[in-house]
Amino acid sequence: MVDRNLRTVVPVFSACAILTLFLSCQAAMAQFSAAAAQLKISGAVSTPLTLIAADLKSMPRTTLHVTNPHENKTETYEGVLLEELLRKAGAPMGDQLRGKRMTTYVIAEAEDGYKVVFALAELDSGITNSEILVADTVDGAPIDAKRGPFRLVVPHDKRPARWVRMLKSITISAPQ
């Protein structure tokens, strides 16, 4: 009887141990993936940037409480304003943004190839009250691999079509 119970318990225990190890490895890989992820800012800037999660954590942070229309719930995103990242890269902002430069545009691209566009003027707080955020946390936790590790949050758009999950690059294009 003991031998029979032992033959049942050992495989169940082994399966539990393997499952626990698998889940631990998955969590570690997700954390490594988020830490290794990069956000590139390039194009018509004086200082192209390649940023990692730690870089964003060391910059001025903004918290936004927004309703996520896809999931119809209120979420709290934290990250760095896109305007701040563009300033750091040397995109024309403030008094530099006039005349021909008013046609400068920004393309945000996701890992899956999804792209959206903004006029650079939409991102300048001297022109409009924009709070477009490059978020790295939602509700106090890192953004999951399905939506992150970086997500562009555009809270004042009526539709969330320009919310970019898995954000990988921001490219600034200026008129010739």
N, C-alpha and C. Protein backbone atom coordinates (compact mmCIF):
# COMPACT_ATOMS: atom_id res chain seq x y z
N MET A 1 0.82 -1.18 0.00
CA MET A 1 0.00 0.00 0.00
C MET A 1 0.88 1.26 0.00
N VAL A 2 1.92 1.27 0.83
CA VAL A 2 2.82 2.41 0.90
C VAL A 2 3.53 2.59 -0.44
N ASP A 3 3.94 1.49 -1.06
CA ASP A 3 4.62 1.54 -2.34
C ASP A 3 3.70 2.15 -3.41
N ARG A 4 2.43 1.77 -3.37
CA ARG A 4 1.45 2.30 -4.33
C ARG A 4 1.26 3.81 -4.14
N ASN A 5 1.14 4.26 -2.91
CA ASN A 5 1.00 5.69 -2.63
C ASN A 5 2.24 6.47 -3.04
N LEU A 6 3.40 5.85 -2.81
CA LEU A 6 4.64 6.48 -3.18
C LEU A 6 4.73 6.65 -4.69
N ARG A 7 4.28 5.65 -5.44
CA ARG A 7 4.28 5.75 -6.90
C ARG A 7 3.34 6.85 -7.40
N THR A 8 2.35 7.20 -6.66
CA THR A 8 1.42 8.27 -7.03
C THR A 8 1.97 9.63 -6.61
N VAL A 9 2.52 9.70 -5.43
CA VAL A 9 2.99 10.98 -4.88
C VAL A 9 4.23 11.49 -5.62
N VAL A 10 5.17 10.63 -5.94
CA VAL A 10 6.41 11.06 -6.57
C VAL A 10 6.15 11.73 -7.93
N PRO A 11 5.36 11.14 -8.83
CA PRO A 11 5.12 11.83 -10.11
C PRO A 11 4.37 13.17 -9.92
N VAL A 12 3.43 13.23 -9.00
CA VAL A 12 2.70 14.47 -8.77
C VAL A 12 3.65 15.53 -8.22
N PHE A 13 4.48 15.14 -7.26
CA PHE A 13 5.46 16.07 -6.69
C PHE A 13 6.44 16.54 -7.78
N SER A 14 6.90 15.63 -8.60
CA SER A 14 7.83 15.98 -9.68
C SER A 14 7.19 16.94 -10.67
N ALA A 15 5.94 16.70 -11.01
CA ALA A 15 5.23 17.58 -11.94
C ALA A 15 5.08 18.99 -11.35
N CYS A 16 4.78 19.05 -10.06
CA CYS A 16 4.66 20.35 -9.39
C CYS A 16 6.00 21.09 -9.38
N ALA A 17 7.07 20.37 -9.12
CA ALA A 17 8.40 20.98 -9.09
C ALA A 17 8.79 21.50 -10.47
N ILE A 18 8.52 20.74 -11.50
CA ILE A 18 8.84 21.16 -12.87
C ILE A 18 8.01 22.38 -13.26
N LEU A 19 6.73 22.38 -12.91
CA LEU A 19 5.86 23.52 -13.21
C LEU A 19 6.35 24.78 -12.49
N THR A 20 6.72 24.65 -11.24
CA THR A 20 7.23 25.80 -10.48
C THR A 20 8.51 26.34 -11.12
N LEU A 21 9.41 25.46 -11.50
CA LEU A 21 10.64 25.87 -12.15
C LEU A 21 10.35 26.57 -13.48
N PHE A 22 9.44 26.02 -14.26
CA PHE A 22 9.07 26.62 -15.54
C PHE A 22 8.51 28.03 -15.35
N LEU A 23 7.60 28.21 -14.41
CA LEU A 23 7.00 29.52 -14.15
C LEU A 23 8.03 30.51 -13.64
N SER A 24 8.95 30.07 -12.81
CA SER A 24 10.01 30.94 -12.32
C SER A 24 10.90 31.40 -13.47
N CYS A 25 11.23 30.49 -14.36
CA CYS A 25 12.06 30.83 -15.52
C CYS A 25 11.33 31.81 -16.43
N GLN A 26 10.04 31.61 -16.64
CA GLN A 26 9.25 32.53 -17.47
C GLN A 26 9.27 33.93 -16.88
N ALA A 27 9.07 34.04 -15.57
CA ALA A 27 9.07 35.35 -14.90
C ALA A 27 10.44 36.02 -15.02
N ALA A 28 11.48 35.24 -14.83
CA ALA A 28 12.84 35.79 -14.93
C ALA A 28 13.12 36.25 -16.36
N MET A 29 12.68 35.49 -17.35
CA MET A 29 12.89 35.87 -18.74
C MET A 29 12.12 37.14 -19.08
N ALA A 30 10.91 37.29 -18.56
CA ALA A 30 10.12 38.50 -18.80
C ALA A 30 10.81 39.72 -18.19
N GLN A 31 11.36 39.57 -16.98
CA GLN A 31 12.06 40.67 -16.35
C GLN A 31 13.32 41.03 -17.12
N PHE A 32 14.06 40.00 -17.57
CA PHE A 32 15.27 40.24 -18.35
C PHE A 32 14.92 40.94 -19.66
N SER A 33 13.83 40.47 -20.31
CA SER A 33 13.39 41.05 -21.56
C SER A 33 13.05 42.52 -21.38
N ALA A 34 12.33 42.86 -20.32
CA ALA A 34 11.96 44.25 -20.06
C ALA A 34 13.22 45.09 -19.79
N ALA A 35 14.16 44.53 -19.03
CA ALA A 35 15.38 45.27 -18.71
C ALA A 35 16.24 45.48 -19.96
N ALA A 36 16.22 44.53 -20.87
CA ALA A 36 17.05 44.60 -22.07
C ALA A 36 16.38 45.38 -23.19
N ALA A 37 15.09 45.65 -23.09
CA ALA A 37 14.37 46.35 -24.14
C ALA A 37 14.93 47.76 -24.33
N GLN A 38 14.88 48.21 -25.58
CA GLN A 38 15.40 49.53 -25.90
C GLN A 38 14.33 50.36 -26.60
N LEU A 39 14.40 51.66 -26.38
CA LEU A 39 13.58 52.62 -27.09
C LEU A 39 14.53 53.55 -27.82
N LYS A 40 14.42 53.59 -29.15
CA LYS A 40 15.32 54.42 -29.95
C LYS A 40 14.60 55.68 -30.39
N ILE A 41 15.28 56.81 -30.25
CA ILE A 41 14.77 58.10 -30.72
C ILE A 41 15.78 58.62 -31.72
N SER A 42 15.32 58.81 -32.97
CA SER A 42 16.25 59.16 -34.04
C SER A 42 15.57 60.08 -35.06
N GLY A 43 16.31 60.36 -36.12
CA GLY A 43 15.78 61.21 -37.19
C GLY A 43 16.33 62.62 -37.05
N ALA A 44 15.45 63.62 -37.19
CA ALA A 44 15.86 65.03 -37.18
C ALA A 44 16.05 65.53 -35.75
N VAL A 45 17.05 64.94 -35.07
CA VAL A 45 17.40 65.33 -33.70
C VAL A 45 18.91 65.55 -33.64
N SER A 46 19.35 66.36 -32.69
CA SER A 46 20.79 66.60 -32.56
C SER A 46 21.50 65.49 -31.81
N THR A 47 20.76 64.76 -30.97
CA THR A 47 21.36 63.70 -30.15
C THR A 47 20.48 62.44 -30.19
N PRO A 48 20.68 61.56 -31.18
CA PRO A 48 19.88 60.32 -31.19
C PRO A 48 20.09 59.56 -29.88
N LEU A 49 19.02 58.95 -29.40
CA LEU A 49 19.07 58.25 -28.11
C LEU A 49 18.68 56.80 -28.26
N THR A 50 19.31 55.95 -27.47
CA THR A 50 18.87 54.58 -27.26
C THR A 50 18.71 54.43 -25.76
N LEU A 51 17.47 54.29 -25.33
CA LEU A 51 17.15 54.27 -23.90
C LEU A 51 16.72 52.88 -23.46
N ILE A 52 17.06 52.54 -22.23
CA ILE A 52 16.57 51.31 -21.61
C ILE A 52 15.69 51.71 -20.42
N ALA A 53 15.07 50.73 -19.82
CA ALA A 53 14.14 51.00 -18.71
C ALA A 53 14.79 51.81 -17.60
N ALA A 54 16.03 51.52 -17.26
CA ALA A 54 16.72 52.25 -16.20
C ALA A 54 16.89 53.73 -16.54
N ASP A 55 17.08 54.04 -17.82
CA ASP A 55 17.19 55.44 -18.24
C ASP A 55 15.89 56.18 -17.96
N LEU A 56 14.78 55.56 -18.30
CA LEU A 56 13.48 56.20 -18.06
C LEU A 56 13.24 56.39 -16.56
N LYS A 57 13.65 55.42 -15.77
CA LYS A 57 13.45 55.51 -14.31
C LYS A 57 14.21 56.69 -13.71
N SER A 58 15.32 57.09 -14.35
CA SER A 58 16.14 58.17 -13.80
C SER A 58 15.72 59.55 -14.30
N MET A 59 14.73 59.62 -15.17
CA MET A 59 14.27 60.89 -15.73
C MET A 59 13.07 61.41 -14.95
N PRO A 60 12.69 62.68 -15.15
CA PRO A 60 11.49 63.21 -14.47
C PRO A 60 10.26 62.36 -14.81
N ARG A 61 9.55 61.94 -13.77
CA ARG A 61 8.43 61.00 -13.93
C ARG A 61 7.09 61.73 -13.86
N THR A 62 6.13 61.21 -14.60
CA THR A 62 4.77 61.72 -14.60
C THR A 62 3.82 60.56 -14.39
N THR A 63 2.77 60.79 -13.61
CA THR A 63 1.75 59.78 -13.38
C THR A 63 0.44 60.28 -13.97
N LEU A 64 -0.22 59.43 -14.74
CA LEU A 64 -1.51 59.76 -15.34
C LEU A 64 -2.54 58.71 -14.94
N HIS A 65 -3.71 59.18 -14.52
CA HIS A 65 -4.85 58.30 -14.25
C HIS A 65 -5.77 58.41 -15.45
N VAL A 66 -5.90 57.34 -16.20
CA VAL A 66 -6.67 57.39 -17.45
C VAL A 66 -7.63 56.21 -17.53
N THR A 67 -8.66 56.39 -18.35
CA THR A 67 -9.56 55.29 -18.64
C THR A 67 -9.06 54.61 -19.90
N ASN A 68 -8.76 53.34 -19.78
CA ASN A 68 -8.32 52.55 -20.92
C ASN A 68 -9.58 52.09 -21.66
N PRO A 69 -9.86 52.67 -22.84
CA PRO A 69 -11.09 52.34 -23.54
C PRO A 69 -11.15 50.90 -24.03
N HIS A 70 -9.99 50.26 -24.26
CA HIS A 70 -9.99 48.87 -24.71
C HIS A 70 -10.54 47.94 -23.62
N GLU A 71 -10.20 48.24 -22.38
CA GLU A 71 -10.60 47.38 -21.27
C GLU A 71 -11.66 48.02 -20.39
N ASN A 72 -12.04 49.27 -20.73
CA ASN A 72 -13.07 50.01 -20.01
C ASN A 72 -12.84 50.04 -18.50
N LYS A 73 -11.60 50.37 -18.13
CA LYS A 73 -11.27 50.50 -16.71
C LYS A 73 -10.26 51.62 -16.53
N THR A 74 -10.23 52.16 -15.32
CA THR A 74 -9.27 53.21 -15.00
C THR A 74 -7.94 52.57 -14.63
N GLU A 75 -6.88 53.11 -15.22
CA GLU A 75 -5.53 52.61 -14.95
C GLU A 75 -4.63 53.79 -14.60
N THR A 76 -3.58 53.50 -13.86
CA THR A 76 -2.60 54.52 -13.49
C THR A 76 -1.29 54.18 -14.18
N TYR A 77 -0.90 55.03 -15.12
CA TYR A 77 0.35 54.84 -15.86
C TYR A 77 1.39 55.79 -15.31
N GLU A 78 2.64 55.32 -15.30
CA GLU A 78 3.75 56.16 -14.89
C GLU A 78 4.85 56.03 -15.92
N GLY A 79 5.52 57.14 -16.20
CA GLY A 79 6.62 57.12 -17.16
C GLY A 79 7.13 58.52 -17.37
N VAL A 80 7.65 58.76 -18.57
CA VAL A 80 8.25 60.05 -18.93
C VAL A 80 7.43 60.65 -20.08
N LEU A 81 7.15 61.94 -19.98
CA LEU A 81 6.43 62.61 -21.06
C LEU A 81 7.24 62.52 -22.35
N LEU A 82 6.56 62.24 -23.45
CA LEU A 82 7.23 62.16 -24.74
C LEU A 82 7.94 63.49 -25.05
N GLU A 83 7.35 64.59 -24.67
CA GLU A 83 7.97 65.90 -24.88
C GLU A 83 9.35 65.96 -24.23
N GLU A 84 9.47 65.42 -23.03
CA GLU A 84 10.76 65.42 -22.31
C GLU A 84 11.81 64.60 -23.07
N LEU A 85 11.41 63.45 -23.61
CA LEU A 85 12.34 62.62 -24.38
C LEU A 85 12.78 63.32 -25.66
N LEU A 86 11.83 64.01 -26.31
CA LEU A 86 12.17 64.73 -27.54
C LEU A 86 13.13 65.88 -27.25
N ARG A 87 12.91 66.57 -26.14
CA ARG A 87 13.84 67.65 -25.74
C ARG A 87 15.24 67.09 -25.49
N LYS A 88 15.30 65.96 -24.79
CA LYS A 88 16.58 65.34 -24.47
C LYS A 88 17.33 64.94 -25.75
N ALA A 89 16.57 64.53 -26.77
CA ALA A 89 17.18 64.13 -28.05
C ALA A 89 17.53 65.34 -28.91
N GLY A 90 17.05 66.52 -28.54
CA GLY A 90 17.37 67.72 -29.30
C GLY A 90 16.43 68.00 -30.46
N ALA A 91 15.19 67.53 -30.37
CA ALA A 91 14.19 67.87 -31.39
C ALA A 91 13.85 69.36 -31.24
N PRO A 92 13.52 70.04 -32.33
CA PRO A 92 13.18 71.45 -32.21
C PRO A 92 11.88 71.63 -31.42
N MET A 93 11.95 72.36 -30.32
CA MET A 93 10.79 72.59 -29.47
C MET A 93 10.81 74.05 -29.03
N GLY A 94 9.71 74.49 -28.44
CA GLY A 94 9.64 75.86 -27.92
C GLY A 94 9.80 76.88 -29.02
N ASP A 95 10.67 77.86 -28.80
CA ASP A 95 10.88 78.95 -29.76
C ASP A 95 11.48 78.46 -31.08
N GLN A 96 12.13 77.31 -31.08
CA GLN A 96 12.70 76.76 -32.32
C GLN A 96 11.61 76.22 -33.25
N LEU A 97 10.45 75.95 -32.69
CA LEU A 97 9.37 75.33 -33.48
C LEU A 97 8.49 76.43 -34.08
N ARG A 98 8.87 76.86 -35.28
CA ARG A 98 8.12 77.90 -36.00
C ARG A 98 8.42 77.77 -37.48
N GLY A 99 7.63 78.47 -38.29
CA GLY A 99 7.84 78.46 -39.74
C GLY A 99 7.78 77.07 -40.33
N LYS A 100 8.77 76.76 -41.15
CA LYS A 100 8.83 75.47 -41.85
C LYS A 100 8.87 74.29 -40.87
N ARG A 101 9.45 74.51 -39.70
CA ARG A 101 9.55 73.42 -38.72
C ARG A 101 8.19 73.00 -38.15
N MET A 102 7.17 73.82 -38.36
CA MET A 102 5.83 73.46 -37.88
C MET A 102 5.26 72.26 -38.64
N THR A 103 5.92 71.85 -39.74
CA THR A 103 5.47 70.66 -40.47
C THR A 103 6.25 69.41 -40.07
N THR A 104 7.10 69.54 -39.06
CA THR A 104 7.85 68.38 -38.55
C THR A 104 6.87 67.39 -37.92
N TYR A 105 7.12 66.11 -38.15
CA TYR A 105 6.23 65.10 -37.59
C TYR A 105 7.02 63.99 -36.91
N VAL A 106 6.32 63.24 -36.08
CA VAL A 106 6.92 62.19 -35.26
C VAL A 106 6.18 60.89 -35.54
N ILE A 107 6.93 59.83 -35.81
CA ILE A 107 6.35 58.50 -36.01
C ILE A 107 6.75 57.63 -34.83
N ALA A 108 5.75 57.05 -34.16
CA ALA A 108 5.99 56.10 -33.07
C ALA A 108 5.70 54.71 -33.62
N GLU A 109 6.64 53.79 -33.43
CA GLU A 109 6.51 52.45 -34.00
C GLU A 109 6.60 51.38 -32.92
N ALA A 110 5.75 50.36 -33.06
CA ALA A 110 5.73 49.22 -32.15
C ALA A 110 6.56 48.07 -32.69
N GLU A 111 6.86 47.12 -31.83
CA GLU A 111 7.62 45.92 -32.23
C GLU A 111 6.94 45.17 -33.36
N ASP A 112 5.60 45.19 -33.41
CA ASP A 112 4.87 44.45 -34.44
C ASP A 112 4.69 45.24 -35.74
N GLY A 113 5.33 46.43 -35.84
CA GLY A 113 5.26 47.22 -37.05
C GLY A 113 4.16 48.27 -37.07
N TYR A 114 3.29 48.28 -36.06
CA TYR A 114 2.22 49.28 -35.99
C TYR A 114 2.85 50.66 -35.83
N LYS A 115 2.35 51.64 -36.59
CA LYS A 115 2.91 52.99 -36.56
C LYS A 115 1.80 54.01 -36.42
N VAL A 116 2.11 55.10 -35.70
CA VAL A 116 1.20 56.24 -35.60
C VAL A 116 2.00 57.51 -35.80
N VAL A 117 1.31 58.59 -36.13
CA VAL A 117 1.99 59.85 -36.41
C VAL A 117 1.40 60.98 -35.57
N PHE A 118 2.28 61.90 -35.19
CA PHE A 118 1.91 63.13 -34.48
C PHE A 118 2.61 64.28 -35.18
N ALA A 119 1.97 65.43 -35.23
CA ALA A 119 2.70 66.65 -35.58
C ALA A 119 3.56 66.98 -34.37
N LEU A 120 4.80 67.39 -34.59
CA LEU A 120 5.67 67.72 -33.46
C LEU A 120 5.02 68.79 -32.59
N ALA A 121 4.30 69.72 -33.21
CA ALA A 121 3.63 70.79 -32.45
C ALA A 121 2.62 70.23 -31.45
N GLU A 122 2.01 69.06 -31.73
CA GLU A 122 1.08 68.43 -30.78
C GLU A 122 1.77 68.02 -29.49
N LEU A 123 3.07 67.87 -29.54
CA LEU A 123 3.83 67.35 -28.41
C LEU A 123 4.53 68.44 -27.62
N ASP A 124 4.38 69.69 -28.03
CA ASP A 124 5.05 70.82 -27.40
C ASP A 124 4.07 71.51 -26.46
N SER A 125 4.38 71.50 -25.16
CA SER A 125 3.47 72.09 -24.17
C SER A 125 3.37 73.61 -24.30
N GLY A 126 4.25 74.23 -25.06
CA GLY A 126 4.14 75.65 -25.34
C GLY A 126 3.06 75.95 -26.37
N ILE A 127 2.60 74.91 -27.05
CA ILE A 127 1.58 75.08 -28.09
C ILE A 127 0.25 74.45 -27.68
N THR A 128 0.31 73.29 -27.05
CA THR A 128 -0.91 72.58 -26.67
C THR A 128 -0.71 71.91 -25.31
N ASN A 129 -1.79 71.56 -24.66
CA ASN A 129 -1.72 70.88 -23.36
C ASN A 129 -1.65 69.37 -23.56
N SER A 130 -0.57 68.91 -24.09
CA SER A 130 -0.39 67.50 -24.38
C SER A 130 0.25 66.79 -23.19
N GLU A 131 -0.26 65.61 -22.88
CA GLU A 131 0.33 64.79 -21.81
C GLU A 131 0.62 63.40 -22.34
N ILE A 132 1.24 63.30 -23.49
CA ILE A 132 1.52 62.00 -24.08
C ILE A 132 2.70 61.39 -23.34
N LEU A 133 2.49 60.18 -22.86
CA LEU A 133 3.42 59.55 -21.94
C LEU A 133 4.05 58.29 -22.53
N VAL A 134 5.36 58.16 -22.36
CA VAL A 134 6.02 56.88 -22.62
C VAL A 134 6.03 56.18 -21.27
N ALA A 135 5.09 55.26 -21.10
CA ALA A 135 4.89 54.60 -19.82
C ALA A 135 5.71 53.32 -19.72
N ASP A 136 6.17 53.04 -18.50
CA ASP A 136 6.86 51.77 -18.24
C ASP A 136 6.21 51.03 -17.07
N THR A 137 5.24 51.66 -16.40
CA THR A 137 4.50 50.96 -15.35
C THR A 137 3.01 51.25 -15.49
N VAL A 138 2.21 50.29 -15.10
CA VAL A 138 0.75 50.46 -15.04
C VAL A 138 0.29 49.90 -13.71
N ASP A 139 -0.50 50.68 -13.01
CA ASP A 139 -1.01 50.29 -11.69
C ASP A 139 0.11 49.82 -10.76
N GLY A 140 1.26 50.50 -10.83
CA GLY A 140 2.37 50.24 -9.93
C GLY A 140 3.28 49.09 -10.29
N ALA A 141 3.02 48.40 -11.40
CA ALA A 141 3.83 47.25 -11.81
C ALA A 141 4.39 47.49 -13.22
N PRO A 142 5.52 46.86 -13.55
CA PRO A 142 6.02 46.98 -14.92
C PRO A 142 4.96 46.52 -15.92
N ILE A 143 4.93 47.15 -17.07
CA ILE A 143 3.96 46.78 -18.11
C ILE A 143 4.34 45.40 -18.63
N ASP A 144 3.34 44.52 -18.77
CA ASP A 144 3.61 43.14 -19.19
C ASP A 144 4.11 43.08 -20.63
N ALA A 145 4.66 41.94 -21.00
CA ALA A 145 5.28 41.76 -22.31
C ALA A 145 4.28 41.92 -23.45
N LYS A 146 3.02 41.66 -23.22
CA LYS A 146 1.99 41.79 -24.25
C LYS A 146 1.74 43.26 -24.61
N ARG A 147 1.97 44.17 -23.67
CA ARG A 147 1.71 45.60 -23.89
C ARG A 147 2.97 46.45 -23.78
N GLY A 148 4.06 45.91 -23.31
CA GLY A 148 5.23 46.73 -23.02
C GLY A 148 6.50 46.11 -23.55
N PRO A 149 7.60 46.45 -22.95
CA PRO A 149 7.77 47.12 -21.67
C PRO A 149 7.53 48.62 -21.72
N PHE A 150 7.44 49.19 -22.95
CA PHE A 150 7.14 50.61 -23.07
C PHE A 150 5.82 50.75 -23.82
N ARG A 151 5.00 51.69 -23.36
CA ARG A 151 3.71 51.92 -24.02
C ARG A 151 3.48 53.41 -24.14
N LEU A 152 3.06 53.83 -25.32
CA LEU A 152 2.72 55.23 -25.54
C LEU A 152 1.26 55.41 -25.15
N VAL A 153 1.01 56.31 -24.20
CA VAL A 153 -0.34 56.56 -23.69
C VAL A 153 -0.74 57.97 -24.13
N VAL A 154 -1.85 58.06 -24.84
CA VAL A 154 -2.33 59.33 -25.40
C VAL A 154 -3.73 59.58 -24.82
N PRO A 155 -3.79 60.11 -23.60
CA PRO A 155 -5.06 60.14 -22.86
C PRO A 155 -6.12 61.08 -23.41
N HIS A 156 -5.75 62.08 -24.21
CA HIS A 156 -6.75 63.05 -24.65
C HIS A 156 -7.33 62.75 -26.03
N ASP A 157 -6.85 61.71 -26.70
CA ASP A 157 -7.47 61.29 -27.96
C ASP A 157 -8.82 60.65 -27.64
N LYS A 158 -9.82 60.89 -28.48
CA LYS A 158 -11.16 60.31 -28.26
C LYS A 158 -11.15 58.81 -28.46
N ARG A 159 -10.30 58.32 -29.35
CA ARG A 159 -10.12 56.88 -29.58
C ARG A 159 -8.68 56.52 -29.25
N PRO A 160 -8.43 55.34 -28.75
CA PRO A 160 -7.05 54.97 -28.36
C PRO A 160 -6.20 54.45 -29.52
N ALA A 161 -6.48 54.89 -30.73
CA ALA A 161 -5.76 54.38 -31.90
C ALA A 161 -4.28 54.73 -31.87
N ARG A 162 -3.90 55.81 -31.17
CA ARG A 162 -2.48 56.18 -31.12
C ARG A 162 -1.82 55.73 -29.82
N TRP A 163 -2.48 54.92 -29.03
CA TRP A 163 -1.83 54.27 -27.89
C TRP A 163 -1.01 53.14 -28.50
N VAL A 164 0.30 53.20 -28.36
CA VAL A 164 1.17 52.20 -28.99
C VAL A 164 1.73 51.27 -27.92
N ARG A 165 1.36 50.01 -28.00
CA ARG A 165 1.93 49.02 -27.08
C ARG A 165 3.23 48.50 -27.68
N MET A 166 4.10 47.98 -26.86
CA MET A 166 5.41 47.46 -27.30
C MET A 166 6.18 48.51 -28.11
N LEU A 167 6.19 49.74 -27.62
CA LEU A 167 6.86 50.85 -28.31
C LEU A 167 8.35 50.56 -28.45
N LYS A 168 8.87 50.68 -29.69
CA LYS A 168 10.30 50.41 -29.90
C LYS A 168 11.07 51.60 -30.46
N SER A 169 10.38 52.50 -31.19
CA SER A 169 11.13 53.62 -31.77
C SER A 169 10.25 54.85 -31.96
N ILE A 170 10.94 55.99 -31.95
CA ILE A 170 10.31 57.29 -32.21
C ILE A 170 11.23 57.97 -33.22
N THR A 171 10.67 58.32 -34.37
CA THR A 171 11.47 58.92 -35.43
C THR A 171 10.89 60.29 -35.76
N ILE A 172 11.75 61.30 -35.77
CA ILE A 172 11.34 62.67 -36.06
C ILE A 172 11.73 62.97 -37.51
N SER A 173 10.76 63.45 -38.28
CA SER A 173 11.00 63.80 -39.69
C SER A 173 10.71 65.28 -39.88
N ALA A 174 11.71 65.99 -40.40
CA ALA A 174 11.59 67.44 -40.61
C ALA A 174 11.53 67.75 -42.10
N PRO A 175 10.94 68.90 -42.45
CA PRO A 175 10.87 69.29 -43.86
C PRO A 175 12.28 69.57 -44.40
N GLN A 176 12.43 69.39 -45.69
CA GLN A 176 13.74 69.63 -46.33
C GLN A 176 13.93 71.07 -46.70
